Amino acid sequence: MEREHVVELVKWKAKPAVSNDGMVSAVNGILPDLETLPGFISQTLYIDDEEYWVDLYHWETHEQGVASNDLMAARPSFQALMGLIDPASVSIEFLSLPESAK
């Protein structure tokens, strides 16, 4: 079976007074939990010029990426990360290859 492979693009701003090191540490803290989820491939964190954090998660399928949110919600590592994030700033998008590029 050919993989669908999708990228989940999550973008957010930190709450005031959250350091870059603190955010990086919290994001790194969720990786062991993410690695146990079905379909997880990889994760890469960035920050843009406007201080938005951008995290790219690679999943085998769109469904697995969507399901990851519910699977992570109660985990302490995820709760710690969410405590650093301005919830009003969060956006999530899923990107996939166009049919002609597969």
PDB file of N, CA and C in Angstrom:
ATOM      1  N   MET A   1       0.845  -1.183   0.000  1.00  0.00           N
ATOM      2  CA  MET A   1       0.000   0.000   0.000  1.00  0.00           C
ATOM      3  C   MET A   1       0.891   1.247   0.000  1.00  0.00           C
ATOM      4  N   GLU A   2       0.619   2.183  -0.879  1.00  0.00           N
ATOM      5  CA  GLU A   2       1.379   3.427  -0.968  1.00  0.00           C
ATOM      6  C   GLU A   2       0.973   4.362   0.171  1.00  0.00           C
ATOM      7  N   ARG A   3       1.947   5.004   0.763  1.00  0.00           N
ATOM      8  CA  ARG A   3       1.662   5.942   1.845  1.00  0.00           C
ATOM      9  C   ARG A   3       1.087   7.237   1.297  1.00  0.00           C
ATOM     10  N   GLU A   4       0.154   7.781   2.027  1.00  0.00           N
ATOM     11  CA  GLU A   4      -0.434   9.074   1.686  1.00  0.00           C
ATOM     12  C   GLU A   4       0.525  10.195   2.072  1.00  0.00           C
ATOM     13  N   HIS A   5       1.272  10.057   3.118  1.00  0.00           N
ATOM     14  CA  HIS A   5       2.198  11.021   3.712  1.00  0.00           C
ATOM     15  C   HIS A   5       1.649  12.453   3.678  1.00  0.00           C
ATOM     16  N   VAL A   6       1.364  12.952   4.849  1.00  0.00           N
ATOM     17  CA  VAL A   6       0.883  14.325   5.004  1.00  0.00           C
ATOM     18  C   VAL A   6       1.756  15.072   5.997  1.00  0.00           C
ATOM     19  N   VAL A   7       1.728  16.386   5.886  1.00  0.00           N
ATOM     20  CA  VAL A   7       2.417  17.256   6.822  1.00  0.00           C
ATOM     21  C   VAL A   7       1.352  18.030   7.590  1.00  0.00           C
ATOM     22  N   GLU A   8       1.473  17.987   8.898  1.00  0.00           N
ATOM     23  CA  GLU A   8       0.620  18.794   9.761  1.00  0.00           C
ATOM     24  C   GLU A   8       1.426  20.035  10.129  1.00  0.00           C
ATOM     25  N   LEU A   9       0.893  21.196   9.799  1.00  0.00           N
ATOM     26  CA  LEU A   9       1.555  22.460  10.087  1.00  0.00           C
ATOM     27  C   LEU A   9       0.823  23.113  11.254  1.00  0.00           C
ATOM     28  N   VAL A  10       1.515  23.221  12.379  1.00  0.00           N
ATOM     29  CA  VAL A  10       0.921  23.823  13.573  1.00  0.00           C
ATOM     30  C   VAL A  10       1.684  25.114  13.854  1.00  0.00           C
ATOM     31  N   LYS A  11       0.939  26.194  14.030  1.00  0.00           N
ATOM     32  CA  LYS A  11       1.546  27.509  14.217  1.00  0.00           C
ATOM     33  C   LYS A  11       0.931  28.147  15.462  1.00  0.00           C
ATOM     34  N   TRP A  12       1.789  28.797  16.278  1.00  0.00           N
ATOM     35  CA  TRP A  12       1.305  29.432  17.499  1.00  0.00           C
ATOM     36  C   TRP A  12       2.295  30.480  17.996  1.00  0.00           C
ATOM     37  N   LYS A  13       1.809  31.279  18.943  1.00  0.00           N
ATOM     38  CA  LYS A  13       2.665  32.219  19.664  1.00  0.00           C
ATOM     39  C   LYS A  13       2.754  31.765  21.118  1.00  0.00           C
ATOM     40  N   ALA A  14       3.906  32.015  21.703  1.00  0.00           N
ATOM     41  CA  ALA A  14       4.096  31.712  23.119  1.00  0.00           C
ATOM     42  C   ALA A  14       3.386  32.754  23.970  1.00  0.00           C
ATOM     43  N   LYS A  15       3.021  32.352  25.176  1.00  0.00           N
ATOM     44  CA  LYS A  15       2.500  33.314  26.144  1.00  0.00           C
ATOM     45  C   LYS A  15       3.627  34.274  26.520  1.00  0.00           C
ATOM     46  N   PRO A  16       3.273  35.461  27.001  1.00  0.00           N
ATOM     47  CA  PRO A  16       4.311  36.410  27.423  1.00  0.00           C
ATOM     48  C   PRO A  16       5.253  35.779  28.457  1.00  0.00           C
ATOM     49  N   ALA A  17       6.507  36.144  28.379  1.00  0.00           N
ATOM     50  CA  ALA A  17       7.557  35.723  29.320  1.00  0.00           C
ATOM     51  C   ALA A  17       8.020  34.278  29.129  1.00  0.00           C
ATOM     52  N   VAL A  18       7.534  33.576  28.112  1.00  0.00           N
ATOM     53  CA  VAL A  18       8.024  32.225  27.831  1.00  0.00           C
ATOM     54  C   VAL A  18       9.290  32.371  26.985  1.00  0.00           C
ATOM     55  N   SER A  19      10.365  31.791  27.451  1.00  0.00           N
ATOM     56  CA  SER A  19      11.630  31.892  26.725  1.00  0.00           C
ATOM     57  C   SER A  19      11.663  30.924  25.539  1.00  0.00           C
ATOM     58  N   ASN A  20      12.503  31.238  24.579  1.00  0.00           N
ATOM     59  CA  ASN A  20      12.684  30.320  23.451  1.00  0.00           C
ATOM     60  C   ASN A  20      13.193  28.972  23.939  1.00  0.00           C
ATOM     61  N   ASP A  21      14.131  28.973  24.885  1.00  0.00           N
ATOM     62  CA  ASP A  21      14.643  27.715  25.426  1.00  0.00           C
ATOM     63  C   ASP A  21      13.536  26.908  26.106  1.00  0.00           C
ATOM     64  N   GLY A  22      12.660  27.594  26.812  1.00  0.00           N
ATOM     65  CA  GLY A  22      11.542  26.917  27.465  1.00  0.00           C
ATOM     66  C   GLY A  22      10.608  26.268  26.462  1.00  0.00           C
ATOM     67  N   MET A  23      10.328  26.969  25.369  1.00  0.00           N
ATOM     68  CA  MET A  23       9.446  26.422  24.343  1.00  0.00           C
ATOM     69  C   MET A  23      10.104  25.228  23.659  1.00  0.00           C
ATOM     70  N   VAL A  24      11.368  25.366  23.296  1.00  0.00           N
ATOM     71  CA  VAL A  24      12.078  24.255  22.648  1.00  0.00           C
ATOM     72  C   VAL A  24      12.091  23.039  23.569  1.00  0.00           C
ATOM     73  N   SER A  25      12.350  23.248  24.832  1.00  0.00           N
ATOM     74  CA  SER A  25      12.370  22.145  25.789  1.00  0.00           C
ATOM     75  C   SER A  25      11.009  21.454  25.886  1.00  0.00           C
ATOM     76  N   ALA A  26       9.932  22.236  25.922  1.00  0.00           N
ATOM     77  CA  ALA A  26       8.584  21.663  26.005  1.00  0.00           C
ATOM     78  C   ALA A  26       8.227  20.890  24.741  1.00  0.00           C
ATOM     79  N   VAL A  27       8.592  21.422  23.577  1.00  0.00           N
ATOM     80  CA  VAL A  27       8.323  20.712  22.321  1.00  0.00           C
ATOM     81  C   VAL A  27       9.132  19.414  22.285  1.00  0.00           C
ATOM     82  N   ASN A  28      10.391  19.483  22.682  1.00  0.00           N
ATOM     83  CA  ASN A  28      11.202  18.263  22.730  1.00  0.00           C
ATOM     84  C   ASN A  28      10.625  17.253  23.723  1.00  0.00           C
ATOM     85  N   GLY A  29       9.961  17.742  24.753  1.00  0.00           N
ATOM     86  CA  GLY A  29       9.358  16.876  25.759  1.00  0.00           C
ATOM     87  C   GLY A  29       8.203  16.036  25.262  1.00  0.00           C
ATOM     88  N   ILE A  30       7.534  16.478  24.189  1.00  0.00           N
ATOM     89  CA  ILE A  30       6.413  15.679  23.671  1.00  0.00           C
ATOM     90  C   ILE A  30       6.875  14.606  22.687  1.00  0.00           C
ATOM     91  N   LEU A  31       8.118  14.697  22.219  1.00  0.00           N
ATOM     92  CA  LEU A  31       8.583  13.760  21.186  1.00  0.00           C
ATOM     93  C   LEU A  31       8.508  12.292  21.597  1.00  0.00           C
ATOM     94  N   PRO A  32       8.924  11.914  22.801  1.00  0.00           N
ATOM     95  CA  PRO A  32       8.800  10.496  23.153  1.00  0.00           C
ATOM     96  C   PRO A  32       7.362   9.986  23.064  1.00  0.00           C
ATOM     97  N   ASP A  33       6.391  10.835  23.440  1.00  0.00           N
ATOM     98  CA  ASP A  33       4.989  10.440  23.325  1.00  0.00           C
ATOM     99  C   ASP A  33       4.544  10.379  21.867  1.00  0.00           C
ATOM    100  N   LEU A  34       4.942  11.360  21.075  1.00  0.00           N
ATOM    101  CA  LEU A  34       4.591  11.355  19.652  1.00  0.00           C
ATOM    102  C   LEU A  34       5.112  10.112  18.946  1.00  0.00           C
ATOM    103  N   GLU A  35       6.316   9.710  19.295  1.00  0.00           N
ATOM    104  CA  GLU A  35       6.940   8.566  18.626  1.00  0.00           C
ATOM    105  C   GLU A  35       6.196   7.262  18.863  1.00  0.00           C
ATOM    106  N   THR A  36       5.299   7.223  19.847  1.00  0.00           N
ATOM    107  CA  THR A  36       4.516   6.016  20.116  1.00  0.00           C
ATOM    108  C   THR A  36       3.209   5.991  19.323  1.00  0.00           C
ATOM    109  N   LEU A  37       2.870   7.087  18.663  1.00  0.00           N
ATOM    110  CA  LEU A  37       1.581   7.180  17.974  1.00  0.00           C
ATOM    111  C   LEU A  37       1.619   6.527  16.601  1.00  0.00           C
ATOM    112  N   PRO A  38       0.498   5.922  16.206  1.00  0.00           N
ATOM    113  CA  PRO A  38       0.431   5.319  14.870  1.00  0.00           C
ATOM    114  C   PRO A  38       0.657   6.355  13.777  1.00  0.00           C
ATOM    115  N   GLY A  39       1.526   6.039  12.832  1.00  0.00           N
ATOM    116  CA  GLY A  39       1.722   6.876  11.668  1.00  0.00           C
ATOM    117  C   GLY A  39       2.705   8.016  11.815  1.00  0.00           C
ATOM    118  N   PHE A  40       3.236   8.239  13.020  1.00  0.00           N
ATOM    119  CA  PHE A  40       4.179   9.342  13.206  1.00  0.00           C
ATOM    120  C   PHE A  40       5.473   9.046  12.455  1.00  0.00           C
ATOM    121  N   ILE A  41       5.951  10.039  11.690  1.00  0.00           N
ATOM    122  CA  ILE A  41       7.205   9.898  10.946  1.00  0.00           C
ATOM    123  C   ILE A  41       8.290  10.797  11.535  1.00  0.00           C
ATOM    124  N   SER A  42       8.006  12.108  11.633  1.00  0.00           N
ATOM    125  CA  SER A  42       9.022  13.029  12.136  1.00  0.00           C
ATOM    126  C   SER A  42       8.396  14.359  12.519  1.00  0.00           C
ATOM    127  N   GLN A  43       9.225  15.201  13.141  1.00  0.00           N
ATOM    128  CA  GLN A  43       8.793  16.523  13.597  1.00  0.00           C
ATOM    129  C   GLN A  43       9.969  17.476  13.477  1.00  0.00           C
ATOM    130  N   THR A  44       9.689  18.731  13.072  1.00  0.00           N
ATOM    131  CA  THR A  44      10.704  19.778  12.995  1.00  0.00           C
ATOM    132  C   THR A  44      10.088  21.092  13.465  1.00  0.00           C
ATOM    133  N   LEU A  45      10.799  21.801  14.342  1.00  0.00           N
ATOM    134  CA  LEU A  45      10.312  23.050  14.916  1.00  0.00           C
ATOM    135  C   LEU A  45      11.064  24.238  14.334  1.00  0.00           C
ATOM    136  N   TYR A  46      10.315  25.312  14.059  1.00  0.00           N
ATOM    137  CA  TYR A  46      10.880  26.563  13.546  1.00  0.00           C
ATOM    138  C   TYR A  46      10.259  27.729  14.310  1.00  0.00           C
ATOM    139  N   ILE A  47      10.876  28.898  14.190  1.00  0.00           N
ATOM    140  CA  ILE A  47      10.272  30.143  14.664  1.00  0.00           C
ATOM    141  C   ILE A  47      10.465  31.169  13.555  1.00  0.00           C
ATOM    142  N   ASP A  48       9.418  31.970  13.273  1.00  0.00           N
ATOM    143  CA  ASP A  48       9.527  32.950  12.196  1.00  0.00           C
ATOM    144  C   ASP A  48       9.881  34.331  12.739  1.00  0.00           C
ATOM    145  N   ASP A  49       9.987  35.295  11.847  1.00  0.00           N
ATOM    146  CA  ASP A  49      10.396  36.651  12.218  1.00  0.00           C
ATOM    147  C   ASP A  49       9.376  37.374  13.098  1.00  0.00           C
ATOM    148  N   GLU A  50       8.136  36.925  13.095  1.00  0.00           N
ATOM    149  CA  GLU A  50       7.101  37.538  13.919  1.00  0.00           C
ATOM    150  C   GLU A  50       6.899  36.790  15.240  1.00  0.00           C
ATOM    151  N   GLU A  51       7.846  35.900  15.557  1.00  0.00           N
ATOM    152  CA  GLU A  51       7.829  35.100  16.776  1.00  0.00           C
ATOM    153  C   GLU A  51       6.677  34.111  16.834  1.00  0.00           C
ATOM    154  N   TYR A  52       6.209  33.679  15.671  1.00  0.00           N
ATOM    155  CA  TYR A  52       5.299  32.546  15.610  1.00  0.00           C
ATOM    156  C   TYR A  52       6.146  31.285  15.563  1.00  0.00           C
ATOM    157  N   TRP A  53       5.784  30.314  16.369  1.00  0.00           N
ATOM    158  CA  TRP A  53       6.411  28.998  16.307  1.00  0.00           C
ATOM    159  C   TRP A  53       5.693  28.198  15.238  1.00  0.00           C
ATOM    160  N   VAL A  54       6.436  27.452  14.468  1.00  0.00           N
ATOM    161  CA  VAL A  54       5.870  26.626  13.397  1.00  0.00           C
ATOM    162  C   VAL A  54       6.441  25.225  13.572  1.00  0.00           C
ATOM    163  N   ASP A  55       5.569  24.267  13.782  1.00  0.00           N
ATOM    164  CA  ASP A  55       5.989  22.877  13.964  1.00  0.00           C
ATOM    165  C   ASP A  55       5.422  22.062  12.809  1.00  0.00           C
ATOM    166  N   LEU A  56       6.297  21.332  12.150  1.00  0.00           N
ATOM    167  CA  LEU A  56       5.890  20.467  11.043  1.00  0.00           C
ATOM    168  C   LEU A  56       5.953  19.022  11.506  1.00  0.00           C
ATOM    169  N   TYR A  57       4.814  18.358  11.472  1.00  0.00           N
ATOM    170  CA  TYR A  57       4.723  16.948  11.832  1.00  0.00           C
ATOM    171  C   TYR A  57       4.431  16.161  10.563  1.00  0.00           C
ATOM    172  N   HIS A  58       5.190  15.122  10.334  1.00  0.00           N
ATOM    173  CA  HIS A  58       4.963  14.256   9.182  1.00  0.00           C
ATOM    174  C   HIS A  58       4.252  12.992   9.659  1.00  0.00           C
ATOM    175  N   TRP A  59       3.153  12.665   8.975  1.00  0.00           N
ATOM    176  CA  TRP A  59       2.328  11.497   9.301  1.00  0.00           C
ATOM    177  C   TRP A  59       2.164  10.628   8.060  1.00  0.00           C
ATOM    178  N   GLU A  60       1.952   9.350   8.286  1.00  0.00           N
ATOM    179  CA  GLU A  60       1.701   8.450   7.160  1.00  0.00           C
ATOM    180  C   GLU A  60       0.381   8.776   6.475  1.00  0.00           C
ATOM    181  N   THR A  61      -0.654   9.132   7.260  1.00  0.00           N
ATOM    182  CA  THR A  61      -1.951   9.459   6.669  1.00  0.00           C
ATOM    183  C   THR A  61      -2.560  10.678   7.369  1.00  0.00           C
ATOM    184  N   HIS A  62      -3.466  11.313   6.679  1.00  0.00           N
ATOM    185  CA  HIS A  62      -4.206  12.456   7.233  1.00  0.00           C
ATOM    186  C   HIS A  62      -4.963  12.029   8.489  1.00  0.00           C
ATOM    187  N   GLU A  63      -5.606  10.879   8.441  1.00  0.00           N
ATOM    188  CA  GLU A  63      -6.405  10.397   9.563  1.00  0.00           C
ATOM    189  C   GLU A  63      -5.545  10.220  10.816  1.00  0.00           C
ATOM    190  N   GLN A  64      -4.324   9.699  10.658  1.00  0.00           N
ATOM    191  CA  GLN A  64      -3.440   9.515  11.805  1.00  0.00           C
ATOM    192  C   GLN A  64      -3.007  10.862  12.387  1.00  0.00           C
ATOM    193  N   GLY A  65      -2.766  11.825  11.526  1.00  0.00           N
ATOM    194  CA  GLY A  65      -2.420  13.162  12.003  1.00  0.00           C
ATOM    195  C   GLY A  65      -3.538  13.789  12.801  1.00  0.00           C
ATOM    196  N   VAL A  66      -4.754  13.678  12.292  1.00  0.00           N
ATOM    197  CA  VAL A  66      -5.911  14.230  12.993  1.00  0.00           C
ATOM    198  C   VAL A  66      -6.118  13.507  14.325  1.00  0.00           C
ATOM    199  N   ALA A  67      -6.012  12.196  14.322  1.00  0.00           N
ATOM    200  CA  ALA A  67      -6.219  11.407  15.535  1.00  0.00           C
ATOM    201  C   ALA A  67      -5.169  11.721  16.603  1.00  0.00           C
ATOM    202  N   SER A  68      -3.994  12.157  16.191  1.00  0.00           N
ATOM    203  CA  SER A  68      -2.920  12.426  17.147  1.00  0.00           C
ATOM    204  C   SER A  68      -3.316  13.484  18.164  1.00  0.00           C
ATOM    205  N   ASN A  69      -4.126  14.433  17.762  1.00  0.00           N
ATOM    206  CA  ASN A  69      -4.526  15.499  18.683  1.00  0.00           C
ATOM    207  C   ASN A  69      -5.285  14.933  19.886  1.00  0.00           C
ATOM    208  N   ASP A  70      -6.230  14.034  19.637  1.00  0.00           N
ATOM    209  CA  ASP A  70      -6.971  13.407  20.732  1.00  0.00           C
ATOM    210  C   ASP A  70      -6.076  12.477  21.544  1.00  0.00           C
ATOM    211  N   LEU A  71      -5.177  11.763  20.865  1.00  0.00           N
ATOM    212  CA  LEU A  71      -4.296  10.818  21.552  1.00  0.00           C
ATOM    213  C   LEU A  71      -3.280  11.519  22.454  1.00  0.00           C
ATOM    214  N   MET A  72      -2.918  12.739  22.121  1.00  0.00           N
ATOM    215  CA  MET A  72      -1.934  13.485  22.912  1.00  0.00           C
ATOM    216  C   MET A  72      -2.574  14.341  24.008  1.00  0.00           C
ATOM    217  N   ALA A  73      -3.840  14.668  23.883  1.00  0.00           N
ATOM    218  CA  ALA A  73      -4.484  15.681  24.728  1.00  0.00           C
ATOM    219  C   ALA A  73      -4.287  15.474  26.229  1.00  0.00           C
ATOM    220  N   ALA A  74      -4.361  14.253  26.722  1.00  0.00           N
ATOM    221  CA  ALA A  74      -4.283  14.009  28.165  1.00  0.00           C
ATOM    222  C   ALA A  74      -2.861  13.746  28.658  1.00  0.00           C
ATOM    223  N   ARG A  75      -1.907  13.661  27.776  1.00  0.00           N
ATOM    224  CA  ARG A  75      -0.537  13.337  28.183  1.00  0.00           C
ATOM    225  C   ARG A  75       0.116  14.533  28.886  1.00  0.00           C
ATOM    226  N   PRO A  76       0.808  14.281  29.994  1.00  0.00           N
ATOM    227  CA  PRO A  76       1.442  15.376  30.746  1.00  0.00           C
ATOM    228  C   PRO A  76       2.405  16.215  29.905  1.00  0.00           C
ATOM    229  N   SER A  77       3.125  15.587  28.997  1.00  0.00           N
ATOM    230  CA  SER A  77       4.066  16.349  28.167  1.00  0.00           C
ATOM    231  C   SER A  77       3.334  17.357  27.294  1.00  0.00           C
ATOM    232  N   PHE A  78       2.183  16.964  26.766  1.00  0.00           N
ATOM    233  CA  PHE A  78       1.388  17.848  25.918  1.00  0.00           C
ATOM    234  C   PHE A  78       0.750  18.955  26.748  1.00  0.00           C
ATOM    235  N   GLN A  79       0.274  18.613  27.940  1.00  0.00           N
ATOM    236  CA  GLN A  79      -0.318  19.609  28.833  1.00  0.00           C
ATOM    237  C   GLN A  79       0.715  20.672  29.214  1.00  0.00           C
ATOM    238  N   ALA A  80       1.960  20.242  29.447  1.00  0.00           N
ATOM    239  CA  ALA A  80       3.021  21.195  29.786  1.00  0.00           C
ATOM    240  C   ALA A  80       3.282  22.144  28.621  1.00  0.00           C
ATOM    241  N   LEU A  81       3.314  21.622  27.413  1.00  0.00           N
ATOM    242  CA  LEU A  81       3.508  22.465  26.227  1.00  0.00           C
ATOM    243  C   LEU A  81       2.352  23.441  26.071  1.00  0.00           C
ATOM    244  N   MET A  82       1.140  22.958  26.207  1.00  0.00           N
ATOM    245  CA  MET A  82      -0.026  23.827  26.031  1.00  0.00           C
ATOM    246  C   MET A  82      -0.053  24.954  27.059  1.00  0.00           C
ATOM    247  N   GLY A  83       0.547  24.755  28.213  1.00  0.00           N
ATOM    248  CA  GLY A  83       0.615  25.796  29.216  1.00  0.00           C
ATOM    249  C   GLY A  83       1.482  26.975  28.811  1.00  0.00           C
ATOM    250  N   LEU A  84       2.314  26.793  27.791  1.00  0.00           N
ATOM    251  CA  LEU A  84       3.195  27.853  27.306  1.00  0.00           C
ATOM    252  C   LEU A  84       2.651  28.592  26.087  1.00  0.00           C
ATOM    253  N   ILE A  85       1.566  28.085  25.529  1.00  0.00           N
ATOM    254  CA  ILE A  85       1.049  28.575  24.246  1.00  0.00           C
ATOM    255  C   ILE A  85      -0.170  29.470  24.444  1.00  0.00           C
ATOM    256  N   ASP A  86      -0.221  30.564  23.683  1.00  0.00           N
ATOM    257  CA  ASP A  86      -1.419  31.417  23.632  1.00  0.00           C
ATOM    258  C   ASP A  86      -2.466  30.676  22.802  1.00  0.00           C
ATOM    259  N   PRO A  87      -3.520  30.147  23.436  1.00  0.00           N
ATOM    260  CA  PRO A  87      -4.476  29.312  22.692  1.00  0.00           C
ATOM    261  C   PRO A  87      -5.167  30.034  21.539  1.00  0.00           C
ATOM    262  N   ALA A  88      -5.337  31.346  21.641  1.00  0.00           N
ATOM    263  CA  ALA A  88      -6.004  32.097  20.572  1.00  0.00           C
ATOM    264  C   ALA A  88      -5.148  32.206  19.314  1.00  0.00           C
ATOM    265  N   SER A  89      -3.854  31.912  19.444  1.00  0.00           N
ATOM    266  CA  SER A  89      -2.951  32.070  18.300  1.00  0.00           C
ATOM    267  C   SER A  89      -2.744  30.783  17.505  1.00  0.00           C
ATOM    268  N   VAL A  90      -3.293  29.673  17.968  1.00  0.00           N
ATOM    269  CA  VAL A  90      -3.013  28.369  17.365  1.00  0.00           C
ATOM    270  C   VAL A  90      -3.775  28.171  16.057  1.00  0.00           C
ATOM    271  N   SER A  91      -3.050  27.695  15.043  1.00  0.00           N
ATOM    272  CA  SER A  91      -3.694  27.253  13.806  1.00  0.00           C
ATOM    273  C   SER A  91      -3.074  25.923  13.398  1.00  0.00           C
ATOM    274  N   ILE A  92      -3.893  25.078  12.788  1.00  0.00           N
ATOM    275  CA  ILE A  92      -3.445  23.754  12.346  1.00  0.00           C
ATOM    276  C   ILE A  92      -3.924  23.544  10.916  1.00  0.00           C
ATOM    277  N   GLU A  93      -2.995  23.132  10.066  1.00  0.00           N
ATOM    278  CA  GLU A  93      -3.321  22.814   8.674  1.00  0.00           C
ATOM    279  C   GLU A  93      -2.696  21.473   8.321  1.00  0.00           C
ATOM    280  N   PHE A  94      -3.311  20.771   7.386  1.00  0.00           N
ATOM    281  CA  PHE A  94      -2.742  19.537   6.865  1.00  0.00           C
ATOM    282  C   PHE A  94      -2.441  19.734   5.391  1.00  0.00           C
ATOM    283  N   LEU A  95      -1.237  19.342   4.997  1.00  0.00           N
ATOM    284  CA  LEU A  95      -0.774  19.513   3.620  1.00  0.00           C
ATOM    285  C   LEU A  95      -0.453  18.134   3.042  1.00  0.00           C
ATOM    286  N   SER A  96      -0.840  17.941   1.793  1.00  0.00           N
ATOM    287  CA  SER A  96      -0.494  16.684   1.120  1.00  0.00           C
ATOM    288  C   SER A  96      -0.029  16.991  -0.300  1.00  0.00           C
ATOM    289  N   LEU A  97       0.631  16.032  -0.888  1.00  0.00           N
ATOM    290  CA  LEU A  97       1.093  16.187  -2.261  1.00  0.00           C
ATOM    291  C   LEU A  97      -0.093  16.206  -3.210  1.00  0.00           C
ATOM    292  N   PRO A  98      -0.043  17.023  -4.249  1.00  0.00           N
ATOM    293  CA  PRO A  98      -1.102  16.956  -5.253  1.00  0.00           C
ATOM    294  C   PRO A  98      -1.026  15.616  -5.966  1.00  0.00           C
ATOM    295  N   GLU A  99      -2.152  15.156  -6.469  1.00  0.00           N
ATOM    296  CA  GLU A  99      -2.206  13.843  -7.146  1.00  0.00           C
ATOM    297  C   GLU A  99      -1.139  13.715  -8.220  1.00  0.00           C
ATOM    298  N   SER A 100      -0.868  14.758  -8.967  1.00  0.00           N
ATOM    299  CA  SER A 100       0.092  14.679 -10.060  1.00  0.00           C
ATOM    300  C   SER A 100       1.539  14.516  -9.579  1.00  0.00           C
ATOM    301  N   ALA A 101       1.796  14.790  -8.295  1.00  0.00           N
ATOM    302  CA  ALA A 101       3.149  14.694  -7.770  1.00  0.00           C
ATOM    303  C   ALA A 101       3.392  13.370  -7.036  1.00  0.00           C
ATOM    304  N   LYS A 102       2.350  12.560  -6.882  1.00  0.00           N
ATOM    305  CA  LYS A 102       2.494  11.296  -6.126  1.00  0.00           C
ATOM    306  C   LYS A 102       3.144  10.228  -6.952  1.00  0.00           C
TER     307      LYS A 102
END
